[in-house]
């Protein structure tokens, strides 16, 4: 039955391959987006923008909250170590 199924689904192989590729790109983008090192670097850039006067205190607070939410999401709900290692 498996061989017949594969033969019948062969015309859809490009679609399945594209779906797999899109899924891989999405997973990598999420990994980078939630990577603690990336978020910390963005926090540092944000602080530099505040001290140089490029953004206001309100803009800093709003964007900082977003970044801290990402950092919290990266650690997951079960991380209670507080040392940034995620273990």
N, C-alpha and C. Protein backbone atom coordinates (compact mmCIF):
# COMPACT_ATOMS: atom_id res chain seq x y z
N UNK A 1 0.82 -1.19 0.00
CA UNK A 1 0.00 0.00 0.00
C UNK A 1 0.86 1.26 0.00
N UNK A 2 2.01 1.23 0.64
CA UNK A 2 2.88 2.39 0.72
C UNK A 2 3.39 2.81 -0.64
N UNK A 3 3.75 1.83 -1.50
CA UNK A 3 4.25 2.15 -2.83
C UNK A 3 3.17 2.79 -3.68
N UNK A 4 1.97 2.28 -3.61
CA UNK A 4 0.85 2.84 -4.38
C UNK A 4 0.58 4.27 -3.91
N UNK A 5 0.60 4.47 -2.62
CA UNK A 5 0.38 5.80 -2.07
C UNK A 5 1.43 6.77 -2.59
N UNK A 6 2.70 6.36 -2.57
CA UNK A 6 3.79 7.22 -3.04
C UNK A 6 3.63 7.54 -4.53
N UNK A 7 3.25 6.58 -5.33
CA UNK A 7 3.06 6.80 -6.76
C UNK A 7 1.91 7.78 -7.00
N UNK A 8 0.83 7.61 -6.27
CA UNK A 8 -0.32 8.49 -6.44
C UNK A 8 -0.02 9.92 -5.96
N UNK A 9 0.81 10.05 -4.95
CA UNK A 9 1.13 11.36 -4.40
C UNK A 9 2.34 12.01 -5.08
N UNK A 10 2.96 11.34 -6.02
CA UNK A 10 4.14 11.86 -6.69
C UNK A 10 3.93 13.24 -7.32
N UNK A 11 2.80 13.50 -7.94
CA UNK A 11 2.61 14.85 -8.51
C UNK A 11 2.64 15.97 -7.45
N UNK A 12 2.41 15.61 -6.20
CA UNK A 12 2.41 16.62 -5.14
C UNK A 12 3.76 16.74 -4.45
N UNK A 13 4.77 16.05 -4.91
CA UNK A 13 6.09 16.08 -4.29
C UNK A 13 6.68 17.49 -4.21
N UNK A 14 6.58 18.31 -5.27
CA UNK A 14 7.12 19.67 -5.15
C UNK A 14 6.44 20.49 -4.06
N UNK A 15 5.15 20.28 -3.89
CA UNK A 15 4.43 21.01 -2.85
C UNK A 15 4.89 20.54 -1.47
N UNK A 16 5.03 19.24 -1.30
CA UNK A 16 5.50 18.71 -0.01
C UNK A 16 6.92 19.18 0.26
N UNK A 17 7.76 19.21 -0.76
CA UNK A 17 9.14 19.69 -0.59
C UNK A 17 9.19 21.16 -0.22
N UNK A 18 8.33 21.95 -0.86
CA UNK A 18 8.26 23.38 -0.53
C UNK A 18 7.78 23.59 0.89
N UNK A 19 6.81 22.80 1.30
CA UNK A 19 6.32 22.89 2.67
C UNK A 19 7.40 22.57 3.68
N UNK A 20 8.20 21.57 3.38
CA UNK A 20 9.30 21.21 4.28
C UNK A 20 10.31 22.35 4.37
N UNK A 21 10.65 22.94 3.22
CA UNK A 21 11.63 24.04 3.19
C UNK A 21 11.11 25.25 3.96
N UNK A 22 9.84 25.58 3.77
CA UNK A 22 9.25 26.71 4.48
C UNK A 22 9.26 26.44 5.98
N UNK A 23 8.96 25.23 6.38
CA UNK A 23 8.98 24.87 7.79
C UNK A 23 10.39 25.01 8.39
N UNK A 24 11.40 24.61 7.64
CA UNK A 24 12.78 24.73 8.12
C UNK A 24 13.17 26.20 8.29
N UNK A 25 12.81 27.03 7.31
CA UNK A 25 13.12 28.46 7.39
C UNK A 25 12.41 29.09 8.59
N UNK A 26 11.16 28.74 8.79
CA UNK A 26 10.40 29.26 9.91
C UNK A 26 11.02 28.86 11.25
N UNK A 27 11.42 27.61 11.37
CA UNK A 27 12.05 27.15 12.62
C UNK A 27 13.35 27.90 12.90
N UNK A 28 14.15 28.12 11.87
CA UNK A 28 15.42 28.83 12.05
C UNK A 28 15.16 30.30 12.41
N UNK A 29 14.18 30.91 11.78
CA UNK A 29 13.85 32.30 12.10
C UNK A 29 13.39 32.43 13.55
N UNK A 30 12.58 31.50 14.00
CA UNK A 30 12.13 31.53 15.40
C UNK A 30 13.29 31.29 16.35
N UNK A 31 14.20 30.40 15.98
CA UNK A 31 15.36 30.14 16.83
C UNK A 31 16.18 31.41 17.01
N UNK A 32 16.41 32.12 15.91
CA UNK A 32 17.19 33.36 15.98
C UNK A 32 16.42 34.44 16.75
N UNK A 33 15.12 34.54 16.48
CA UNK A 33 14.30 35.57 17.12
C UNK A 33 14.28 35.42 18.64
N UNK A 34 14.20 34.20 19.13
CA UNK A 34 14.13 33.96 20.57
C UNK A 34 15.48 33.64 21.21
N UNK A 35 16.57 33.68 20.45
CA UNK A 35 17.89 33.38 20.99
C UNK A 35 18.25 34.44 22.05
N UNK A 36 18.56 34.01 23.27
CA UNK A 36 18.87 34.98 24.33
C UNK A 36 20.03 35.92 23.96
N UNK A 37 21.02 35.44 23.26
CA UNK A 37 22.14 36.30 22.88
C UNK A 37 21.68 37.40 21.92
N UNK A 38 20.79 37.06 21.00
CA UNK A 38 20.25 38.05 20.07
C UNK A 38 19.43 39.09 20.81
N UNK A 39 18.61 38.65 21.74
CA UNK A 39 17.76 39.57 22.50
C UNK A 39 18.63 40.49 23.35
N UNK A 40 19.66 39.95 23.98
CA UNK A 40 20.55 40.79 24.81
C UNK A 40 21.27 41.82 23.96
N UNK A 41 21.70 41.43 22.77
CA UNK A 41 22.36 42.38 21.87
C UNK A 41 21.39 43.50 21.46
N UNK A 42 20.15 43.14 21.21
CA UNK A 42 19.15 44.14 20.87
C UNK A 42 18.86 45.07 22.06
N UNK A 43 18.88 44.52 23.26
CA UNK A 43 18.71 45.35 24.46
C UNK A 43 19.87 46.34 24.59
N UNK A 44 21.08 45.90 24.32
CA UNK A 44 22.24 46.78 24.39
C UNK A 44 22.13 47.89 23.35
N UNK A 45 21.73 47.54 22.12
CA UNK A 45 21.55 48.56 21.07
C UNK A 45 20.46 49.55 21.46
N UNK A 46 19.41 49.04 22.07
CA UNK A 46 18.31 49.90 22.50
C UNK A 46 18.78 50.90 23.55
N UNK A 47 19.59 50.44 24.48
CA UNK A 47 20.12 51.33 25.52
C UNK A 47 21.04 52.39 24.91
N UNK A 48 21.83 51.98 23.91
CA UNK A 48 22.70 52.95 23.23
C UNK A 48 21.85 54.02 22.53
N UNK A 49 20.74 53.59 21.92
CA UNK A 49 19.87 54.55 21.25
C UNK A 49 19.25 55.53 22.25
N UNK A 50 18.93 55.04 23.43
CA UNK A 50 18.37 55.92 24.47
C UNK A 50 19.41 56.93 24.93
N UNK A 51 20.61 56.46 25.22
CA UNK A 51 21.64 57.37 25.73
C UNK A 51 22.10 58.38 24.67
N UNK A 52 22.01 58.01 23.41
CA UNK A 52 22.41 58.96 22.35
C UNK A 52 21.27 59.89 21.96
N UNK A 53 20.08 59.67 22.50
CA UNK A 53 18.95 60.54 22.23
C UNK A 53 18.18 60.19 20.97
N UNK A 54 18.45 59.03 20.39
CA UNK A 54 17.75 58.63 19.17
C UNK A 54 16.30 58.25 19.43
N UNK A 55 16.01 57.76 20.65
CA UNK A 55 14.65 57.38 21.01
C UNK A 55 14.29 58.01 22.35
N UNK A 56 13.00 58.12 22.60
CA UNK A 56 12.54 58.69 23.86
C UNK A 56 12.49 57.61 24.94
N UNK A 57 12.30 58.06 26.15
CA UNK A 57 12.19 57.13 27.29
C UNK A 57 10.97 56.23 27.12
N UNK A 58 9.87 56.78 26.61
CA UNK A 58 8.66 55.99 26.41
C UNK A 58 8.88 54.89 25.35
N UNK A 59 9.54 55.27 24.25
CA UNK A 59 9.85 54.29 23.20
C UNK A 59 10.78 53.21 23.75
N UNK A 60 11.76 53.63 24.55
CA UNK A 60 12.68 52.67 25.17
C UNK A 60 11.91 51.69 26.04
N UNK A 61 11.03 52.19 26.89
CA UNK A 61 10.27 51.32 27.79
C UNK A 61 9.42 50.32 27.02
N UNK A 62 8.76 50.81 25.97
CA UNK A 62 7.89 49.92 25.17
C UNK A 62 8.71 48.82 24.50
N UNK A 63 9.79 49.20 23.85
CA UNK A 63 10.60 48.21 23.14
C UNK A 63 11.35 47.29 24.11
N UNK A 64 11.76 47.82 25.26
CA UNK A 64 12.42 46.99 26.26
C UNK A 64 11.46 45.91 26.77
N UNK A 65 10.20 46.29 27.01
CA UNK A 65 9.21 45.31 27.46
C UNK A 65 9.03 44.20 26.43
N UNK A 66 8.99 44.56 25.15
CA UNK A 66 8.85 43.56 24.09
C UNK A 66 10.04 42.61 24.09
N UNK A 67 11.25 43.16 24.23
CA UNK A 67 12.44 42.32 24.23
C UNK A 67 12.50 41.43 25.46
N UNK A 68 12.12 41.96 26.60
CA UNK A 68 12.12 41.14 27.81
C UNK A 68 11.08 40.02 27.73
N UNK A 69 9.95 40.30 27.07
CA UNK A 69 8.96 39.25 26.84
C UNK A 69 9.54 38.14 25.96
N UNK A 70 10.29 38.53 24.92
CA UNK A 70 10.94 37.54 24.06
C UNK A 70 11.95 36.73 24.85
N UNK A 71 12.72 37.39 25.70
CA UNK A 71 13.72 36.69 26.50
C UNK A 71 13.05 35.71 27.45
N UNK A 72 11.94 36.12 28.05
CA UNK A 72 11.20 35.23 28.95
C UNK A 72 10.64 34.04 28.18
N UNK A 73 10.12 34.27 26.99
CA UNK A 73 9.58 33.20 26.16
C UNK A 73 10.69 32.22 25.75
N UNK A 74 11.88 32.74 25.55
CA UNK A 74 13.00 31.89 25.15
C UNK A 74 13.38 30.92 26.28
N UNK A 75 13.26 31.38 27.50
CA UNK A 75 13.62 30.52 28.63
C UNK A 75 12.53 29.53 28.95
N UNK A 76 11.32 29.80 28.54
CA UNK A 76 10.22 28.87 28.80
C UNK A 76 9.69 29.05 30.21
N UNK A 77 8.52 28.50 30.46
CA UNK A 77 7.88 28.67 31.76
C UNK A 77 8.55 27.90 32.89
N UNK A 78 9.34 26.87 32.57
CA UNK A 78 9.92 26.04 33.60
C UNK A 78 11.28 26.49 34.08
N UNK A 79 11.86 27.52 33.47
CA UNK A 79 13.20 27.97 33.85
C UNK A 79 13.11 28.89 35.05
N UNK A 80 13.62 28.44 36.17
CA UNK A 80 13.59 29.26 37.37
C UNK A 80 14.98 29.47 37.94
N UNK A 81 16.03 29.14 37.17
CA UNK A 81 17.38 29.27 37.69
C UNK A 81 17.81 30.71 37.80
N UNK A 82 17.38 31.55 36.84
CA UNK A 82 17.74 32.95 36.89
C UNK A 82 19.18 33.24 36.49
N UNK A 83 19.92 32.22 36.07
CA UNK A 83 21.31 32.46 35.70
C UNK A 83 21.51 32.57 34.21
N UNK A 84 20.44 32.53 33.42
CA UNK A 84 20.52 32.73 31.98
C UNK A 84 20.99 31.54 31.18
N UNK A 85 21.18 30.40 31.83
CA UNK A 85 21.65 29.23 31.10
C UNK A 85 20.50 28.38 30.58
N UNK A 86 19.33 28.56 31.14
CA UNK A 86 18.18 27.76 30.71
C UNK A 86 18.21 26.35 31.26
N UNK A 87 19.05 26.10 32.21
CA UNK A 87 19.15 24.75 32.82
C UNK A 87 18.91 24.80 34.29
